[in-house]
Amino acid sequence: MANEDCLFCRIVAMEFPADIVFEDDQVIAFRDINPKAPVHILLIPRDHITSAASLTEANGPMLGRMFAVAAQLARDEGIARSGFRLTTNSGAGAGQSVPHLHFHLMGGRQMGWPPG
């Protein structure tokens, strides 16, 4: 179910522009407007889920699809062999700025550890 106040729900509904690189019936992926790496793609579920803290076992198939899409995008973007990071933030204290579950696929540069 969409949330009319959610930026990412507006992207899903095509009411807000995005550089979409993949979409199917479960997942949409688009380039981050403020990239932190040469490749920085956001993957979101079409359905509004606030964060990882809201997930249940019923979300398993959708999460499996999101991870498969992330792996394919990493191959397509040429970052699978050198390495990539796939992360999500849950809640404002962790840095989640849009309250819609999303994963950051980042690569194309050396990543530091720990993040944050």
PDB file of N, CA and C in Angstrom:
ATOM      1  N   MET A   1       0.851  -1.184   0.000  1.00  0.00           N
ATOM      2  CA  MET A   1       0.000   0.000   0.000  1.00  0.00           C
ATOM      3  C   MET A   1       0.891   1.240   0.000  1.00  0.00           C
ATOM      4  N   ALA A   2       0.559   2.196  -0.827  1.00  0.00           N
ATOM      5  CA  ALA A   2       1.352   3.419  -0.956  1.00  0.00           C
ATOM      6  C   ALA A   2       1.044   4.404   0.169  1.00  0.00           C
ATOM      7  N   ASN A   3       2.033   5.223   0.458  1.00  0.00           N
ATOM      8  CA  ASN A   3       1.895   6.299   1.430  1.00  0.00           C
ATOM      9  C   ASN A   3       2.049   7.598   0.653  1.00  0.00           C
ATOM     10  N   GLU A   4       0.992   8.398   0.558  1.00  0.00           N
ATOM     11  CA  GLU A   4       1.009   9.592  -0.291  1.00  0.00           C
ATOM     12  C   GLU A   4       2.036  10.639   0.137  1.00  0.00           C
ATOM     13  N   ASP A   5       2.516  10.572   1.375  1.00  0.00           N
ATOM     14  CA  ASP A   5       3.524  11.516   1.855  1.00  0.00           C
ATOM     15  C   ASP A   5       4.954  11.019   1.634  1.00  0.00           C
ATOM     16  N   CYS A   6       5.107   9.824   1.083  1.00  0.00           N
ATOM     17  CA  CYS A   6       6.413   9.186   0.934  1.00  0.00           C
ATOM     18  C   CYS A   6       6.996   9.484  -0.452  1.00  0.00           C
ATOM     19  N   LEU A   7       8.203  10.051  -0.467  1.00  0.00           N
ATOM     20  CA  LEU A   7       8.884  10.361  -1.721  1.00  0.00           C
ATOM     21  C   LEU A   7       9.057   9.112  -2.579  1.00  0.00           C
ATOM     22  N   PHE A   8       9.473   8.008  -1.974  1.00  0.00           N
ATOM     23  CA  PHE A   8       9.704   6.803  -2.756  1.00  0.00           C
ATOM     24  C   PHE A   8       8.397   6.208  -3.284  1.00  0.00           C
ATOM     25  N   CYS A   9       7.311   6.330  -2.548  1.00  0.00           N
ATOM     26  CA  CYS A   9       6.007   5.904  -3.074  1.00  0.00           C
ATOM     27  C   CYS A   9       5.615   6.753  -4.283  1.00  0.00           C
ATOM     28  N   ARG A  10       5.984   8.019  -4.258  1.00  0.00           N
ATOM     29  CA  ARG A  10       5.716   8.906  -5.395  1.00  0.00           C
ATOM     30  C   ARG A  10       6.566   8.498  -6.605  1.00  0.00           C
ATOM     31  N   ILE A  11       7.781   8.017  -6.377  1.00  0.00           N
ATOM     32  CA  ILE A  11       8.599   7.497  -7.479  1.00  0.00           C
ATOM     33  C   ILE A  11       7.962   6.237  -8.041  1.00  0.00           C
ATOM     34  N   VAL A  12       7.506   5.340  -7.174  1.00  0.00           N
ATOM     35  CA  VAL A  12       6.822   4.118  -7.619  1.00  0.00           C
ATOM     36  C   VAL A  12       5.616   4.472  -8.486  1.00  0.00           C
ATOM     37  N   ALA A  13       4.858   5.495  -8.080  1.00  0.00           N
ATOM     38  CA  ALA A  13       3.653   5.910  -8.815  1.00  0.00           C
ATOM     39  C   ALA A  13       3.980   6.772 -10.037  1.00  0.00           C
ATOM     40  N   MET A  14       5.265   6.997 -10.288  1.00  0.00           N
ATOM     41  CA  MET A  14       5.722   7.832 -11.410  1.00  0.00           C
ATOM     42  C   MET A  14       5.235   9.275 -11.290  1.00  0.00           C
ATOM     43  N   GLU A  15       5.058   9.742 -10.063  1.00  0.00           N
ATOM     44  CA  GLU A  15       4.662  11.125  -9.794  1.00  0.00           C
ATOM     45  C   GLU A  15       5.875  12.015  -9.518  1.00  0.00           C
ATOM     46  N   PHE A  16       7.036  11.393  -9.356  1.00  0.00           N
ATOM     47  CA  PHE A  16       8.270  12.120  -9.078  1.00  0.00           C
ATOM     48  C   PHE A  16       9.349  11.500  -9.947  1.00  0.00           C
ATOM     49  N   PRO A  17      10.149  12.316 -10.650  1.00  0.00           N
ATOM     50  CA  PRO A  17      11.126  11.749 -11.583  1.00  0.00           C
ATOM     51  C   PRO A  17      12.283  11.048 -10.884  1.00  0.00           C
ATOM     52  N   ALA A  18      12.786  10.028 -11.541  1.00  0.00           N
ATOM     53  CA  ALA A  18      13.956   9.293 -11.058  1.00  0.00           C
ATOM     54  C   ALA A  18      14.631   8.649 -12.260  1.00  0.00           C
ATOM     55  N   ASP A  19      15.930   8.449 -12.164  1.00  0.00           N
ATOM     56  CA  ASP A  19      16.695   7.767 -13.201  1.00  0.00           C
ATOM     57  C   ASP A  19      16.605   6.268 -12.923  1.00  0.00           C
ATOM     58  N   ILE A  20      15.520   5.671 -13.383  1.00  0.00           N
ATOM     59  CA  ILE A  20      15.228   4.262 -13.092  1.00  0.00           C
ATOM     60  C   ILE A  20      16.096   3.364 -13.959  1.00  0.00           C
ATOM     61  N   VAL A  21      16.781   2.412 -13.311  1.00  0.00           N
ATOM     62  CA  VAL A  21      17.641   1.478 -14.028  1.00  0.00           C
ATOM     63  C   VAL A  21      17.061   0.068 -14.063  1.00  0.00           C
ATOM     64  N   PHE A  22      16.026  -0.187 -13.250  1.00  0.00           N
ATOM     65  CA  PHE A  22      15.373  -1.494 -13.231  1.00  0.00           C
ATOM     66  C   PHE A  22      14.006  -1.341 -12.586  1.00  0.00           C
ATOM     67  N   GLU A  23      13.042  -2.092 -13.108  1.00  0.00           N
ATOM     68  CA  GLU A  23      11.746  -2.204 -12.424  1.00  0.00           C
ATOM     69  C   GLU A  23      11.063  -3.488 -12.839  1.00  0.00           C
ATOM     70  N   ASP A  24      10.359  -4.074 -11.897  1.00  0.00           N
ATOM     71  CA  ASP A  24       9.471  -5.199 -12.166  1.00  0.00           C
ATOM     72  C   ASP A  24       8.279  -5.070 -11.231  1.00  0.00           C
ATOM     73  N   ASP A  25       7.534  -6.138 -11.024  1.00  0.00           N
ATOM     74  CA  ASP A  25       6.318  -6.043 -10.223  1.00  0.00           C
ATOM     75  C   ASP A  25       6.575  -5.922  -8.724  1.00  0.00           C
ATOM     76  N   GLN A  26       7.828  -6.133  -8.266  1.00  0.00           N
ATOM     77  CA  GLN A  26       8.145  -6.059  -6.844  1.00  0.00           C
ATOM     78  C   GLN A  26       9.140  -4.967  -6.473  1.00  0.00           C
ATOM     79  N   VAL A  27      10.058  -4.652  -7.395  1.00  0.00           N
ATOM     80  CA  VAL A  27      11.223  -3.829  -7.072  1.00  0.00           C
ATOM     81  C   VAL A  27      11.410  -2.724  -8.100  1.00  0.00           C
ATOM     82  N   ILE A  28      11.857  -1.560  -7.646  1.00  0.00           N
ATOM     83  CA  ILE A  28      12.306  -0.488  -8.528  1.00  0.00           C
ATOM     84  C   ILE A  28      13.699  -0.093  -8.057  1.00  0.00           C
ATOM     85  N   ALA A  29      14.592   0.132  -9.013  1.00  0.00           N
ATOM     86  CA  ALA A  29      15.946   0.581  -8.700  1.00  0.00           C
ATOM     87  C   ALA A  29      16.235   1.841  -9.501  1.00  0.00           C
ATOM     88  N   PHE A  30      16.842   2.822  -8.838  1.00  0.00           N
ATOM     89  CA  PHE A  30      17.143   4.089  -9.503  1.00  0.00           C
ATOM     90  C   PHE A  30      18.424   4.675  -8.930  1.00  0.00           C
ATOM     91  N   ARG A  31      19.045   5.548  -9.706  1.00  0.00           N
ATOM     92  CA  ARG A  31      20.305   6.163  -9.282  1.00  0.00           C
ATOM     93  C   ARG A  31      20.041   7.191  -8.180  1.00  0.00           C
ATOM     94  N   ASP A  32      20.912   7.185  -7.174  1.00  0.00           N
ATOM     95  CA  ASP A  32      20.816   8.136  -6.068  1.00  0.00           C
ATOM     96  C   ASP A  32      21.122   9.538  -6.595  1.00  0.00           C
ATOM     97  N   ILE A  33      20.334  10.528  -6.179  1.00  0.00           N
ATOM     98  CA  ILE A  33      20.556  11.895  -6.666  1.00  0.00           C
ATOM     99  C   ILE A  33      21.750  12.566  -5.985  1.00  0.00           C
ATOM    100  N   ASN A  34      22.248  11.964  -4.913  1.00  0.00           N
ATOM    101  CA  ASN A  34      23.421  12.490  -4.205  1.00  0.00           C
ATOM    102  C   ASN A  34      24.401  11.331  -3.977  1.00  0.00           C
ATOM    103  N   PRO A  35      24.998  10.815  -5.064  1.00  0.00           N
ATOM    104  CA  PRO A  35      25.792   9.585  -4.958  1.00  0.00           C
ATOM    105  C   PRO A  35      27.016   9.729  -4.067  1.00  0.00           C
ATOM    106  N   LYS A  36      27.302   8.666  -3.333  1.00  0.00           N
ATOM    107  CA  LYS A  36      28.466   8.598  -2.448  1.00  0.00           C
ATOM    108  C   LYS A  36      29.548   7.686  -3.028  1.00  0.00           C
ATOM    109  N   ALA A  37      29.332   7.189  -4.237  1.00  0.00           N
ATOM    110  CA  ALA A  37      30.282   6.332  -4.932  1.00  0.00           C
ATOM    111  C   ALA A  37      29.992   6.462  -6.427  1.00  0.00           C
ATOM    112  N   PRO A  38      30.949   6.074  -7.274  1.00  0.00           N
ATOM    113  CA  PRO A  38      30.693   6.153  -8.718  1.00  0.00           C
ATOM    114  C   PRO A  38      29.417   5.425  -9.153  1.00  0.00           C
ATOM    115  N   VAL A  39      29.140   4.293  -8.526  1.00  0.00           N
ATOM    116  CA  VAL A  39      27.854   3.613  -8.712  1.00  0.00           C
ATOM    117  C   VAL A  39      27.121   3.703  -7.388  1.00  0.00           C
ATOM    118  N   HIS A  40      25.948   4.312  -7.387  1.00  0.00           N
ATOM    119  CA  HIS A  40      25.125   4.412  -6.179  1.00  0.00           C
ATOM    120  C   HIS A  40      23.672   4.328  -6.623  1.00  0.00           C
ATOM    121  N   ILE A  41      23.104   3.157  -6.438  1.00  0.00           N
ATOM    122  CA  ILE A  41      21.739   2.855  -6.871  1.00  0.00           C
ATOM    123  C   ILE A  41      20.911   2.511  -5.640  1.00  0.00           C
ATOM    124  N   LEU A  42      19.687   3.017  -5.586  1.00  0.00           N
ATOM    125  CA  LEU A  42      18.750   2.675  -4.518  1.00  0.00           C
ATOM    126  C   LEU A  42      17.783   1.626  -5.037  1.00  0.00           C
ATOM    127  N   LEU A  43      17.535   0.604  -4.248  1.00  0.00           N
ATOM    128  CA  LEU A  43      16.555  -0.430  -4.565  1.00  0.00           C
ATOM    129  C   LEU A  43      15.449  -0.348  -3.534  1.00  0.00           C
ATOM    130  N   ILE A  44      14.204  -0.267  -4.008  1.00  0.00           N
ATOM    131  CA  ILE A  44      13.066  -0.156  -3.098  1.00  0.00           C
ATOM    132  C   ILE A  44      11.987  -1.160  -3.486  1.00  0.00           C
ATOM    133  N   PRO A  45      11.212  -1.628  -2.503  1.00  0.00           N
ATOM    134  CA  PRO A  45      10.044  -2.429  -2.848  1.00  0.00           C
ATOM    135  C   PRO A  45       8.933  -1.504  -3.347  1.00  0.00           C
ATOM    136  N   ARG A  46       8.112  -1.999  -4.250  1.00  0.00           N
ATOM    137  CA  ARG A  46       6.978  -1.199  -4.718  1.00  0.00           C
ATOM    138  C   ARG A  46       6.008  -0.910  -3.575  1.00  0.00           C
ATOM    139  N   ASP A  47       5.829  -1.878  -2.693  1.00  0.00           N
ATOM    140  CA  ASP A  47       4.937  -1.686  -1.548  1.00  0.00           C
ATOM    141  C   ASP A  47       5.636  -0.856  -0.482  1.00  0.00           C
ATOM    142  N   HIS A  48       4.873  -0.007   0.193  1.00  0.00           N
ATOM    143  CA  HIS A  48       5.449   0.826   1.248  1.00  0.00           C
ATOM    144  C   HIS A  48       5.700  -0.020   2.489  1.00  0.00           C
ATOM    145  N   ILE A  49       6.967  -0.123   2.831  1.00  0.00           N
ATOM    146  CA  ILE A  49       7.423  -0.741   4.078  1.00  0.00           C
ATOM    147  C   ILE A  49       8.330   0.313   4.695  1.00  0.00           C
ATOM    148  N   THR A  50       8.087   0.702   5.907  1.00  0.00           N
ATOM    149  CA  THR A  50       8.792   1.833   6.504  1.00  0.00           C
ATOM    150  C   THR A  50      10.290   1.611   6.620  1.00  0.00           C
ATOM    151  N   SER A  51      10.710   0.463   7.111  1.00  0.00           N
ATOM    152  CA  SER A  51      12.141   0.206   7.298  1.00  0.00           C
ATOM    153  C   SER A  51      12.353  -1.285   7.527  1.00  0.00           C
ATOM    154  N   ALA A  52      13.607  -1.671   7.685  1.00  0.00           N
ATOM    155  CA  ALA A  52      13.919  -3.067   7.981  1.00  0.00           C
ATOM    156  C   ALA A  52      13.267  -3.524   9.282  1.00  0.00           C
ATOM    157  N   ALA A  53      13.034  -2.589  10.202  1.00  0.00           N
ATOM    158  CA  ALA A  53      12.396  -2.930  11.477  1.00  0.00           C
ATOM    159  C   ALA A  53      10.945  -3.372  11.294  1.00  0.00           C
ATOM    160  N   SER A  54      10.356  -3.068  10.139  1.00  0.00           N
ATOM    161  CA  SER A  54       8.962  -3.428   9.870  1.00  0.00           C
ATOM    162  C   SER A  54       8.823  -4.749   9.125  1.00  0.00           C
ATOM    163  N   LEU A  55       9.922  -5.380   8.780  1.00  0.00           N
ATOM    164  CA  LEU A  55       9.869  -6.611   7.984  1.00  0.00           C
ATOM    165  C   LEU A  55       9.368  -7.797   8.796  1.00  0.00           C
ATOM    166  N   THR A  56       8.716  -8.711   8.096  1.00  0.00           N
ATOM    167  CA  THR A  56       8.274  -9.976   8.683  1.00  0.00           C
ATOM    168  C   THR A  56       8.704 -11.107   7.756  1.00  0.00           C
ATOM    169  N   GLU A  57       8.507 -12.328   8.181  1.00  0.00           N
ATOM    170  CA  GLU A  57       8.838 -13.479   7.337  1.00  0.00           C
ATOM    171  C   GLU A  57       8.074 -13.441   6.018  1.00  0.00           C
ATOM    172  N   ALA A  58       6.901 -12.845   6.018  1.00  0.00           N
ATOM    173  CA  ALA A  58       6.107 -12.759   4.782  1.00  0.00           C
ATOM    174  C   ALA A  58       6.809 -11.938   3.705  1.00  0.00           C
ATOM    175  N   ASN A  59       7.762 -11.102   4.103  1.00  0.00           N
ATOM    176  CA  ASN A  59       8.499 -10.279   3.138  1.00  0.00           C
ATOM    177  C   ASN A  59       9.670 -11.027   2.512  1.00  0.00           C
ATOM    178  N   GLY A  60       9.882 -12.267   2.895  1.00  0.00           N
ATOM    179  CA  GLY A  60      11.017 -13.048   2.396  1.00  0.00           C
ATOM    180  C   GLY A  60      11.139 -13.098   0.879  1.00  0.00           C
ATOM    181  N   PRO A  61      10.071 -13.426   0.142  1.00  0.00           N
ATOM    182  CA  PRO A  61      10.202 -13.477  -1.320  1.00  0.00           C
ATOM    183  C   PRO A  61      10.595 -12.129  -1.934  1.00  0.00           C
ATOM    184  N   MET A  62      10.029 -11.054  -1.436  1.00  0.00           N
ATOM    185  CA  MET A  62      10.370  -9.726  -1.955  1.00  0.00           C
ATOM    186  C   MET A  62      11.833  -9.411  -1.663  1.00  0.00           C
ATOM    187  N   LEU A  63      12.311  -9.730  -0.461  1.00  0.00           N
ATOM    188  CA  LEU A  63      13.712  -9.476  -0.121  1.00  0.00           C
ATOM    189  C   LEU A  63      14.644 -10.311  -0.990  1.00  0.00           C
ATOM    190  N   GLY A  64      14.278 -11.556  -1.231  1.00  0.00           N
ATOM    191  CA  GLY A  64      15.072 -12.396  -2.129  1.00  0.00           C
ATOM    192  C   GLY A  64      15.160 -11.783  -3.511  1.00  0.00           C
ATOM    193  N   ARG A  65      14.064 -11.257  -3.997  1.00  0.00           N
ATOM    194  CA  ARG A  65      14.057 -10.600  -5.304  1.00  0.00           C
ATOM    195  C   ARG A  65      14.954  -9.362  -5.284  1.00  0.00           C
ATOM    196  N   MET A  66      14.872  -8.553  -4.215  1.00  0.00           N
ATOM    197  CA  MET A  66      15.696  -7.354  -4.128  1.00  0.00           C
ATOM    198  C   MET A  66      17.184  -7.709  -4.159  1.00  0.00           C
ATOM    199  N   PHE A  67      17.585  -8.743  -3.449  1.00  0.00           N
ATOM    200  CA  PHE A  67      18.994  -9.136  -3.434  1.00  0.00           C
ATOM    201  C   PHE A  67      19.423  -9.682  -4.792  1.00  0.00           C
ATOM    202  N   ALA A  68      18.565 -10.429  -5.460  1.00  0.00           N
ATOM    203  CA  ALA A  68      18.895 -10.933  -6.794  1.00  0.00           C
ATOM    204  C   ALA A  68      19.046  -9.778  -7.780  1.00  0.00           C
ATOM    205  N   VAL A  69      18.162  -8.792  -7.701  1.00  0.00           N
ATOM    206  CA  VAL A  69      18.256  -7.621  -8.569  1.00  0.00           C
ATOM    207  C   VAL A  69      19.536  -6.845  -8.265  1.00  0.00           C
ATOM    208  N   ALA A  70      19.875  -6.682  -6.992  1.00  0.00           N
ATOM    209  CA  ALA A  70      21.102  -5.976  -6.623  1.00  0.00           C
ATOM    210  C   ALA A  70      22.321  -6.676  -7.217  1.00  0.00           C
ATOM    211  N   ALA A  71      22.363  -7.993  -7.142  1.00  0.00           N
ATOM    212  CA  ALA A  71      23.494  -8.743  -7.700  1.00  0.00           C
ATOM    213  C   ALA A  71      23.562  -8.557  -9.217  1.00  0.00           C
ATOM    214  N   GLN A  72      22.423  -8.590  -9.894  1.00  0.00           N
ATOM    215  CA  GLN A  72      22.405  -8.398 -11.341  1.00  0.00           C
ATOM    216  C   GLN A  72      22.845  -6.983 -11.709  1.00  0.00           C
ATOM    217  N   LEU A  73      22.368  -5.987 -10.972  1.00  0.00           N
ATOM    218  CA  LEU A  73      22.776  -4.603 -11.235  1.00  0.00           C
ATOM    219  C   LEU A  73      24.278  -4.426 -11.003  1.00  0.00           C
ATOM    220  N   ALA A  74      24.824  -5.072  -9.977  1.00  0.00           N
ATOM    221  CA  ALA A  74      26.265  -4.999  -9.733  1.00  0.00           C
ATOM    222  C   ALA A  74      27.032  -5.560 -10.932  1.00  0.00           C
ATOM    223  N   ARG A  75      26.548  -6.661 -11.491  1.00  0.00           N
ATOM    224  CA  ARG A  75      27.187  -7.208 -12.692  1.00  0.00           C
ATOM    225  C   ARG A  75      27.036  -6.252 -13.866  1.00  0.00           C
ATOM    226  N   ASP A  76      25.820  -5.741 -14.059  1.00  0.00           N
ATOM    227  CA  ASP A  76      25.551  -4.829 -15.176  1.00  0.00           C
ATOM    228  C   ASP A  76      26.386  -3.551 -15.096  1.00  0.00           C
ATOM    229  N   GLU A  77      26.623  -3.059 -13.876  1.00  0.00           N
ATOM    230  CA  GLU A  77      27.357  -1.812 -13.666  1.00  0.00           C
ATOM    231  C   GLU A  77      28.864  -2.017 -13.604  1.00  0.00           C
ATOM    232  N   GLY A  78      29.305  -3.275 -13.687  1.00  0.00           N
ATOM    233  CA  GLY A  78      30.731  -3.571 -13.701  1.00  0.00           C
ATOM    234  C   GLY A  78      31.415  -3.503 -12.352  1.00  0.00           C
ATOM    235  N   ILE A  79      30.660  -3.666 -11.271  1.00  0.00           N
ATOM    236  CA  ILE A  79      31.265  -3.590  -9.931  1.00  0.00           C
ATOM    237  C   ILE A  79      31.241  -4.921  -9.183  1.00  0.00           C
ATOM    238  N   ALA A  80      30.683  -5.953  -9.794  1.00  0.00           N
ATOM    239  CA  ALA A  80      30.560  -7.236  -9.090  1.00  0.00           C
ATOM    240  C   ALA A  80      31.916  -7.864  -8.804  1.00  0.00           C
ATOM    241  N   ARG A  81      32.838  -7.780  -9.732  1.00  0.00           N
ATOM    242  CA  ARG A  81      34.142  -8.424  -9.548  1.00  0.00           C
ATOM    243  C   ARG A  81      35.026  -7.672  -8.562  1.00  0.00           C
ATOM    244  N   SER A  82      34.995  -6.349  -8.621  1.00  0.00           N
ATOM    245  CA  SER A  82      35.850  -5.560  -7.729  1.00  0.00           C
ATOM    246  C   SER A  82      35.270  -5.462  -6.323  1.00  0.00           C
ATOM    247  N   GLY A  83      33.969  -5.616  -6.208  1.00  0.00           N
ATOM    248  CA  GLY A  83      33.299  -5.573  -4.912  1.00  0.00           C
ATOM    249  C   GLY A  83      32.315  -4.421  -4.817  1.00  0.00           C
ATOM    250  N   PHE A  84      31.283  -4.636  -4.045  1.00  0.00           N
ATOM    251  CA  PHE A  84      30.247  -3.624  -3.858  1.00  0.00           C
ATOM    252  C   PHE A  84      29.701  -3.719  -2.447  1.00  0.00           C
ATOM    253  N   ARG A  85      29.027  -2.679  -2.038  1.00  0.00           N
ATOM    254  CA  ARG A  85      28.388  -2.641  -0.723  1.00  0.00           C
ATOM    255  C   ARG A  85      26.883  -2.553  -0.935  1.00  0.00           C
ATOM    256  N   LEU A  86      26.128  -3.323  -0.145  1.00  0.00           N
ATOM    257  CA  LEU A  86      24.670  -3.291  -0.161  1.00  0.00           C
ATOM    258  C   LEU A  86      24.222  -3.077   1.272  1.00  0.00           C
ATOM    259  N   THR A  87      23.641  -1.890   1.545  1.00  0.00           N
ATOM    260  CA  THR A  87      23.296  -1.544   2.921  1.00  0.00           C
ATOM    261  C   THR A  87      21.889  -0.974   3.016  1.00  0.00           C
ATOM    262  N   THR A  88      21.351  -1.021   4.225  1.00  0.00           N
ATOM    263  CA  THR A  88      20.106  -0.337   4.537  1.00  0.00           C
ATOM    264  C   THR A  88      20.258   0.294   5.919  1.00  0.00           C
ATOM    265  N   ASN A  89      19.587   1.417   6.104  1.00  0.00           N
ATOM    266  CA  ASN A  89      19.540   2.077   7.405  1.00  0.00           C
ATOM    267  C   ASN A  89      18.117   1.940   7.933  1.00  0.00           C
ATOM    268  N   SER A  90      17.991   1.740   9.225  1.00  0.00           N
ATOM    269  CA  SER A  90      16.673   1.566   9.818  1.00  0.00           C
ATOM    270  C   SER A  90      16.489   2.589  10.936  1.00  0.00           C
ATOM    271  N   GLY A  91      15.719   3.630  10.649  1.00  0.00           N
ATOM    272  CA  GLY A  91      15.443   4.667  11.628  1.00  0.00           C
ATOM    273  C   GLY A  91      16.373   5.849  11.500  1.00  0.00           C
ATOM    274  N   ALA A  92      15.925   6.978  12.019  1.00  0.00           N
ATOM    275  CA  ALA A  92      16.671   8.229  11.911  1.00  0.00           C
ATOM    276  C   ALA A  92      18.050   8.143  12.564  1.00  0.00           C
ATOM    277  N   GLY A  93      18.166   7.441  13.674  1.00  0.00           N
ATOM    278  CA  GLY A  93      19.449   7.328  14.360  1.00  0.00           C
ATOM    279  C   GLY A  93      20.498   6.589  13.547  1.00  0.00           C
ATOM    280  N   ALA A  94      20.053   5.775  12.602  1.00  0.00           N
ATOM    281  CA  ALA A  94      20.969   5.043  11.727  1.00  0.00           C
ATOM    282  C   ALA A  94      21.208   5.781  10.418  1.00  0.00           C
ATOM    283  N   GLY A  95      20.513   6.916  10.236  1.00  0.00           N
ATOM    284  CA  GLY A  95      20.708   7.703   9.021  1.00  0.00           C
ATOM    285  C   GLY A  95      19.656   7.505   7.954  1.00  0.00           C
ATOM    286  N   GLN A  96      18.561   6.825   8.285  1.00  0.00           N
ATOM    287  CA  GLN A  96      17.498   6.656   7.290  1.00  0.00           C
ATOM    288  C   GLN A  96      16.795   7.992   7.089  1.00  0.00           C
ATOM    289  N   SER A  97      16.877   8.529   5.866  1.00  0.00           N
ATOM    290  CA  SER A  97      16.300   9.848   5.599  1.00  0.00           C
ATOM    291  C   SER A  97      14.941   9.790   4.912  1.00  0.00           C
ATOM    292  N   VAL A  98      14.617   8.662   4.283  1.00  0.00           N
ATOM    293  CA  VAL A  98      13.292   8.472   3.671  1.00  0.00           C
ATOM    294  C   VAL A  98      12.668   7.251   4.331  1.00  0.00           C
ATOM    295  N   PRO A  99      11.502   7.413   4.956  1.00  0.00           N
ATOM    296  CA  PRO A  99      10.887   6.292   5.676  1.00  0.00           C
ATOM    297  C   PRO A  99      10.190   5.301   4.734  1.00  0.00           C
ATOM    298  N   HIS A 100      10.970   4.685   3.875  1.00  0.00           N
ATOM    299  CA  HIS A 100      10.533   3.630   2.957  1.00  0.00           C
ATOM    300  C   HIS A 100      11.752   2.720   2.823  1.00  0.00           C
ATOM    301  N   LEU A 101      11.581   1.440   3.096  1.00  0.00           N
ATOM    302  CA  LEU A 101      12.695   0.503   3.018  1.00  0.00           C
ATOM    303  C   LEU A 101      13.455   0.696   1.710  1.00  0.00           C
ATOM    304  N   HIS A 102      14.766   0.828   1.812  1.00  0.00           N
ATOM    305  CA  HIS A 102      15.596   0.919   0.615  1.00  0.00           C
ATOM    306  C   HIS A 102      16.996   0.420   0.924  1.00  0.00           C
ATOM    307  N   PHE A 103      17.601  -0.131  -0.105  1.00  0.00           N
ATOM    308  CA  PHE A 103      18.972  -0.609  -0.026  1.00  0.00           C
ATOM    309  C   PHE A 103      19.829   0.260  -0.926  1.00  0.00           C
ATOM    310  N   HIS A 104      21.022   0.584  -0.456  1.00  0.00           N
ATOM    311  CA  HIS A 104      22.003   1.327  -1.232  1.00  0.00           C
ATOM    312  C   HIS A 104      22.973   0.314  -1.840  1.00  0.00           C
ATOM    313  N   LEU A 105      23.073   0.284  -3.164  1.00  0.00           N
ATOM    314  CA  LEU A 105      24.064  -0.507  -3.867  1.00  0.00           C
ATOM    315  C   LEU A 105      25.159   0.464  -4.292  1.00  0.00           C
ATOM    316  N   MET A 106      26.351   0.295  -3.724  1.00  0.00           N
ATOM    317  CA  MET A 106      27.443   1.231  -3.992  1.00  0.00           C
ATOM    318  C   MET A 106      28.697   0.476  -4.384  1.00  0.00           C
ATOM    319  N   GLY A 107      29.432   1.046  -5.333  1.00  0.00           N
ATOM    320  CA  GLY A 107      30.692   0.448  -5.751  1.00  0.00           C
ATOM    321  C   GLY A 107      31.428   1.380  -6.693  1.00  0.00           C
ATOM    322  N   GLY A 108      32.567   0.902  -7.160  1.00  0.00           N
ATOM    323  CA  GLY A 108      33.366   1.694  -8.077  1.00  0.00           C
ATOM    324  C   GLY A 108      34.472   2.470  -7.381  1.00  0.00           C
ATOM    325  N   ARG A 109      34.620   2.279  -6.084  1.00  0.00           N
ATOM    326  CA  ARG A 109      35.706   2.894  -5.313  1.00  0.00           C
ATOM    327  C   ARG A 109      35.971   2.006  -4.099  1.00  0.00           C
ATOM    328  N   GLN A 110      37.093   2.225  -3.451  1.00  0.00           N
ATOM    329  CA  GLN A 110      37.422   1.479  -2.229  1.00  0.00           C
ATOM    330  C   GLN A 110      36.494   1.950  -1.107  1.00  0.00           C
ATOM    331  N   MET A 111      35.872   1.022  -0.432  1.00  0.00           N
ATOM    332  CA  MET A 111      34.990   1.338   0.682  1.00  0.00           C
ATOM    333  C   MET A 111      35.765   1.184   1.994  1.00  0.00           C
ATOM    334  N   GLY A 112      35.492   2.073   2.945  1.00  0.00           N
ATOM    335  CA  GLY A 112      36.123   1.969   4.253  1.00  0.00           C
ATOM    336  C   GLY A 112      35.292   1.156   5.220  1.00  0.00           C
ATOM    337  N   TRP A 113      35.904   0.757   6.316  1.00  0.00           N
ATOM    338  CA  TRP A 113      35.196   0.050   7.385  1.00  0.00           C
ATOM    339  C   TRP A 113      35.720   0.538   8.712  1.00  0.00           C
ATOM    340  N   PRO A 114      34.920   0.808   9.690  1.00  0.00           N
ATOM    341  CA  PRO A 114      33.457   0.649   9.627  1.00  0.00           C
ATOM    342  C   PRO A 114      32.811   1.825   8.884  1.00  0.00           C
ATOM    343  N   PRO A 115      31.636   1.549   8.286  1.00  0.00           N
ATOM    344  CA  PRO A 115      30.911   2.634   7.646  1.00  0.00           C
ATOM    345  C   PRO A 115      30.358   3.591   8.714  1.00  0.00           C
ATOM    346  N   GLY A 116      30.084   4.795   8.345  1.00  0.00           N
ATOM    347  CA  GLY A 116      29.485   5.741   9.292  1.00  0.00           C
ATOM    348  C   GLY A 116      30.515   6.353  10.154  1.00  0.00           C
TER     349      GLY A 116
END
